[in-house]
Protein backbone atom coordinates (compact mmCIF):
# COMPACT_ATOMS: atom_id res chain seq x y z
CA UNK A 1 44.47 -60.43 -9.97
CA UNK A 2 40.55 -60.56 -10.68
CA UNK A 3 38.25 -63.22 -10.37
CA UNK A 4 36.39 -63.26 -13.75
CA UNK A 5 38.01 -62.62 -17.07
CA UNK A 6 36.90 -63.17 -20.80
CA UNK A 7 38.73 -62.61 -23.84
CA UNK A 8 37.03 -61.13 -27.01
CA UNK A 9 39.40 -60.73 -29.85
CA UNK A 10 42.03 -58.25 -28.67
CA UNK A 11 40.33 -57.13 -25.63
CA UNK A 12 40.83 -58.82 -22.27
CA UNK A 13 37.76 -58.03 -19.87
CA UNK A 14 37.88 -58.40 -16.16
CA UNK A 15 35.94 -57.97 -13.21
CA UNK A 16 37.78 -57.17 -10.21
CA UNK A 17 36.24 -58.69 -7.20
CA UNK A 18 37.68 -59.04 -3.70
CA UNK A 19 40.90 -58.10 -5.09
CA UNK A 20 43.46 -55.43 -4.15
CA UNK A 21 44.11 -53.26 -7.32
CA UNK A 22 47.77 -53.14 -8.55
CA UNK A 23 49.01 -49.64 -8.56
CA UNK A 24 49.72 -49.51 -12.34
CA UNK A 25 46.07 -50.19 -13.12
CA UNK A 26 44.85 -47.53 -10.52
CA UNK A 27 47.17 -44.86 -12.29
CA UNK A 28 45.72 -46.01 -15.61
CA UNK A 29 42.31 -45.92 -14.07
CA UNK A 30 42.87 -42.39 -12.93
CA UNK A 31 44.28 -41.14 -16.39
CA UNK A 32 41.14 -42.42 -18.32
CA UNK A 33 38.83 -41.11 -15.62
CA UNK A 34 40.15 -37.63 -15.86
CA UNK A 35 40.11 -37.53 -19.34
CA UNK A 36 36.45 -38.90 -19.92
CA UNK A 37 34.50 -36.79 -17.46
CA UNK A 38 34.35 -33.04 -16.68
CA UNK A 39 35.84 -31.84 -13.43
CA UNK A 40 32.30 -30.96 -12.15
CA UNK A 41 31.28 -34.40 -13.07
CA UNK A 42 34.14 -36.27 -11.18
CA UNK A 43 34.58 -37.42 -7.57
CA UNK A 44 37.88 -37.88 -6.06
CA UNK A 45 39.11 -40.86 -7.83
CA UNK A 46 41.00 -42.18 -4.50
CA UNK A 47 37.17 -42.70 -3.16
CA UNK A 48 36.21 -44.71 -6.23
CA UNK A 49 39.29 -46.78 -6.30
CA UNK A 50 39.15 -47.42 -2.49
CA UNK A 51 35.50 -48.62 -3.01
CA UNK A 52 36.80 -50.94 -5.68
CA UNK A 53 39.27 -52.25 -3.26
CA UNK A 54 36.97 -52.81 -0.35
CA UNK A 55 34.43 -54.85 -2.81
CA UNK A 56 31.80 -51.87 -2.25
CA UNK A 57 31.39 -51.35 -6.16
CA UNK A 58 32.13 -53.64 -9.10
CA UNK A 59 34.81 -52.38 -11.16
CA UNK A 60 35.29 -54.08 -14.72
CA UNK A 61 38.29 -53.27 -17.04
CA UNK A 62 39.10 -53.87 -20.72
CA UNK A 63 42.57 -54.35 -21.86
CA UNK A 64 44.32 -54.46 -25.30
CA UNK A 65 47.95 -55.46 -25.66
CA UNK A 66 48.69 -54.97 -22.04
CA UNK A 67 47.12 -51.38 -21.84
CA UNK A 68 43.66 -50.14 -20.01
CA UNK A 69 41.51 -48.94 -22.82
CA UNK A 70 38.24 -48.76 -20.77
CA UNK A 71 36.11 -49.42 -17.48
CA UNK A 72 32.93 -49.60 -15.85
CA UNK A 73 32.41 -48.87 -12.13
CA UNK A 74 28.77 -49.73 -10.64
CA UNK A 75 28.20 -49.25 -6.87
CA UNK A 76 25.23 -51.21 -4.67
CA UNK A 77 21.86 -49.19 -3.99
CA UNK A 78 21.81 -49.60 -0.15
CA UNK A 79 18.79 -51.51 0.76
CA UNK A 80 18.18 -53.18 -2.59
CA UNK A 81 19.93 -55.59 -4.97
CA UNK A 82 20.53 -53.14 -7.52
CA UNK A 83 23.62 -51.49 -8.74
CA UNK A 84 23.95 -47.69 -9.78
CA UNK A 85 25.94 -47.87 -13.18
CA UNK A 86 27.95 -44.66 -12.51
CA UNK A 87 30.81 -44.72 -14.91
CA UNK A 88 31.38 -46.22 -18.56
CA UNK A 89 34.75 -44.75 -19.80
CA UNK A 90 36.95 -45.46 -22.70
CA UNK A 91 40.52 -44.23 -23.59
CA UNK A 92 39.98 -41.11 -25.88
CA UNK A 93 42.59 -42.86 -28.32
CA UNK A 94 40.41 -46.02 -28.38
CA UNK A 95 37.25 -44.98 -29.03
CA UNK A 96 34.68 -45.72 -31.74
CA UNK A 97 35.79 -49.51 -31.38
CA UNK A 98 32.80 -50.85 -29.57
CA UNK A 99 34.87 -51.23 -26.26
CA UNK A 100 32.29 -49.67 -24.10
CA UNK A 101 29.51 -51.81 -25.51
CA UNK A 102 31.78 -54.82 -24.96
CA UNK A 103 32.42 -53.76 -21.37
CA UNK A 104 28.92 -53.40 -20.62
CA UNK A 105 27.77 -56.44 -22.17
CA UNK A 106 30.47 -58.29 -20.22
CA UNK A 107 28.96 -56.42 -16.76
CA UNK A 108 25.34 -57.58 -17.77
CA UNK A 109 26.62 -61.32 -18.40
CA UNK A 110 28.62 -61.34 -15.08
CA UNK A 111 25.59 -60.15 -13.13
CA UNK A 112 23.05 -62.61 -14.98
CA UNK A 113 25.54 -65.50 -14.37
CA UNK A 114 26.77 -64.74 -10.76
CA UNK A 115 22.86 -63.55 -9.54
CA UNK A 116 24.17 -60.18 -8.15
CA UNK A 117 23.13 -57.35 -8.79
CA UNK A 118 19.41 -58.23 -10.21
CA UNK A 119 20.12 -55.10 -12.73
CA UNK A 120 21.61 -51.55 -13.15
CA UNK A 121 20.10 -48.21 -12.75
CA UNK A 122 21.69 -45.46 -14.90
CA UNK A 123 20.89 -41.72 -13.81
CA UNK A 124 21.16 -39.77 -16.86
CA UNK A 125 21.13 -36.09 -17.59
CA UNK A 126 20.16 -34.88 -20.98
CA UNK A 127 23.77 -33.69 -21.57
CA UNK A 128 26.37 -35.26 -23.73
CA UNK A 129 29.30 -36.84 -21.99
CA UNK A 130 32.77 -37.25 -23.41
CA UNK A 131 32.81 -40.83 -22.26
CA UNK A 132 30.16 -41.73 -24.46
CA UNK A 133 30.59 -39.72 -27.40
CA UNK A 134 32.70 -42.55 -28.42
CA UNK A 135 35.42 -41.25 -30.97
CA UNK A 136 33.89 -37.52 -31.09
CA UNK A 137 30.65 -39.19 -32.78
CA UNK A 138 27.29 -37.49 -32.27
CA UNK A 139 26.05 -40.55 -30.39
CA UNK A 140 24.41 -39.13 -27.06
CA UNK A 141 24.64 -41.03 -23.78
CA UNK A 142 20.96 -42.03 -24.19
CA UNK A 143 21.78 -43.66 -27.52
CA UNK A 144 24.92 -45.30 -26.10
CA UNK A 145 22.80 -46.83 -23.21
CA UNK A 146 19.74 -47.71 -25.48
CA UNK A 147 22.03 -49.32 -27.72
CA UNK A 148 23.42 -51.70 -24.88
CA UNK A 149 20.04 -52.60 -23.76
CA UNK A 150 18.85 -50.08 -21.17
CA UNK A 151 15.46 -48.53 -21.42
CA UNK A 152 13.74 -45.72 -19.54
CA UNK A 153 12.07 -46.10 -16.29
CA UNK A 154 8.50 -45.36 -17.43
CA UNK A 155 7.24 -45.27 -13.65
CA UNK A 156 9.04 -42.11 -12.98
CA UNK A 157 9.09 -38.73 -14.70
CA UNK A 158 12.14 -36.89 -15.59
CA UNK A 159 13.01 -35.21 -12.24
CA UNK A 160 15.28 -32.40 -11.09
CA UNK A 161 18.46 -33.58 -9.47
CA UNK A 162 18.84 -31.95 -5.97
CA UNK A 163 22.29 -30.50 -5.66
CA UNK A 164 22.91 -27.67 -3.31
CA UNK A 165 26.14 -26.62 -5.23
CA UNK A 166 24.19 -25.23 -8.41
CA UNK A 167 21.01 -22.78 -8.46
CA UNK A 168 19.43 -24.78 -11.54
CA UNK A 169 19.86 -28.54 -12.11
CA UNK A 170 19.09 -30.16 -15.39
CA UNK A 171 16.30 -32.63 -15.03
CA UNK A 172 17.29 -36.28 -14.86
CA UNK A 173 15.81 -39.44 -16.12
CA UNK A 174 16.49 -43.10 -14.86
CA UNK A 175 17.20 -45.92 -17.26
CA UNK A 176 17.26 -49.58 -16.32
CA UNK A 177 19.67 -51.92 -17.74
CA UNK A 178 18.37 -55.60 -16.98
CA UNK A 179 21.08 -58.42 -16.62
CA UNK A 180 19.10 -60.68 -19.18
CA UNK A 181 18.59 -63.39 -16.60
CA UNK A 182 14.85 -64.47 -16.62
CA UNK A 183 14.85 -64.58 -12.67
CA UNK A 184 15.93 -60.88 -12.81
CA UNK A 185 13.35 -58.23 -13.30
CA UNK A 186 13.22 -56.93 -16.85
CA UNK A 187 11.76 -53.69 -15.83
CA UNK A 188 12.09 -51.54 -12.41
CA UNK A 189 8.90 -50.77 -10.54
CA UNK A 190 7.30 -50.97 -7.16
CA UNK A 191 9.08 -51.20 -3.99
CA UNK A 192 12.53 -51.81 -5.54
CA UNK A 193 12.26 -48.69 -7.65
CA UNK A 194 10.93 -46.55 -4.71
CA UNK A 195 13.93 -47.60 -2.35
CA UNK A 196 16.44 -47.12 -5.30
CA UNK A 197 15.03 -43.67 -6.13
CA UNK A 198 14.99 -42.54 -2.07
CA UNK A 199 18.46 -43.85 -1.59
CA UNK A 200 19.99 -42.07 -4.89
CA UNK A 201 18.55 -38.73 -3.93
CA UNK A 202 19.47 -38.91 -0.24
CA UNK A 203 22.78 -40.50 -0.36
CA UNK A 204 24.02 -39.56 -3.96
CA UNK A 205 22.56 -36.04 -3.91
CA UNK A 206 22.40 -35.45 -0.09
CA UNK A 207 18.73 -34.52 0.19
CA UNK A 208 17.42 -34.52 3.71
CA UNK A 209 15.15 -37.71 4.08
CA UNK A 210 12.44 -35.07 5.57
CA UNK A 211 12.71 -32.67 2.61
CA UNK A 212 9.23 -32.39 0.83
CA UNK A 213 10.86 -32.33 -2.52
CA UNK A 214 11.79 -35.93 -1.63
CA UNK A 215 8.15 -36.89 -1.00
CA UNK A 216 6.95 -35.26 -4.18
CA UNK A 217 9.42 -37.06 -6.33
CA UNK A 218 8.29 -40.48 -4.59
CA UNK A 219 4.54 -39.57 -5.11
CA UNK A 220 5.05 -39.02 -8.72
CA UNK A 221 5.99 -42.76 -9.01
CA UNK A 222 3.32 -44.38 -11.54
CA UNK A 223 3.96 -48.17 -10.53
């Protein structure tokens, strides 16, 4: 079962907090995940689900008439009160119905009312992703996130993702998705931003903390 549930028209929106995920849900999550992201951009679904089971990440789902039609998954940025919103996925058969937007709105409201996290970072490569090109429309990931309230982190220029598996990584931008709670930051800057960027690059991308490229990116922070 989940601890937080909201009904919007035919959608049941749930946040799975401190709850073991039932097997049918796990299978549906795996199916939508595989259909929404290219193989090169996916992690082992078992790792993602294990994180949700252990409350290491926040899983929100959307169900329609008893079937899973979409989900979001965010994980804590270690050393901060920020989450990295890593996945927003909608079943291909149910796109172009606003499900992704409803999920993100639900996620923001949940964080605003529970107090955690203080906001969400989105790491965005300038390449369209199927999960956000809802219904095959030309909407890009950037358009989608701006539509749901995210704004570019102006303190940090676009930077190159450090990935040892490719020779030339695309440049990446960070977006900040506030919760709307007046006690939470409307923008990301200062020590919270510095710690978030350092954690993402060292933990998510495997950059050695002593690597001069990390220092260069951190020195580019304008606020």
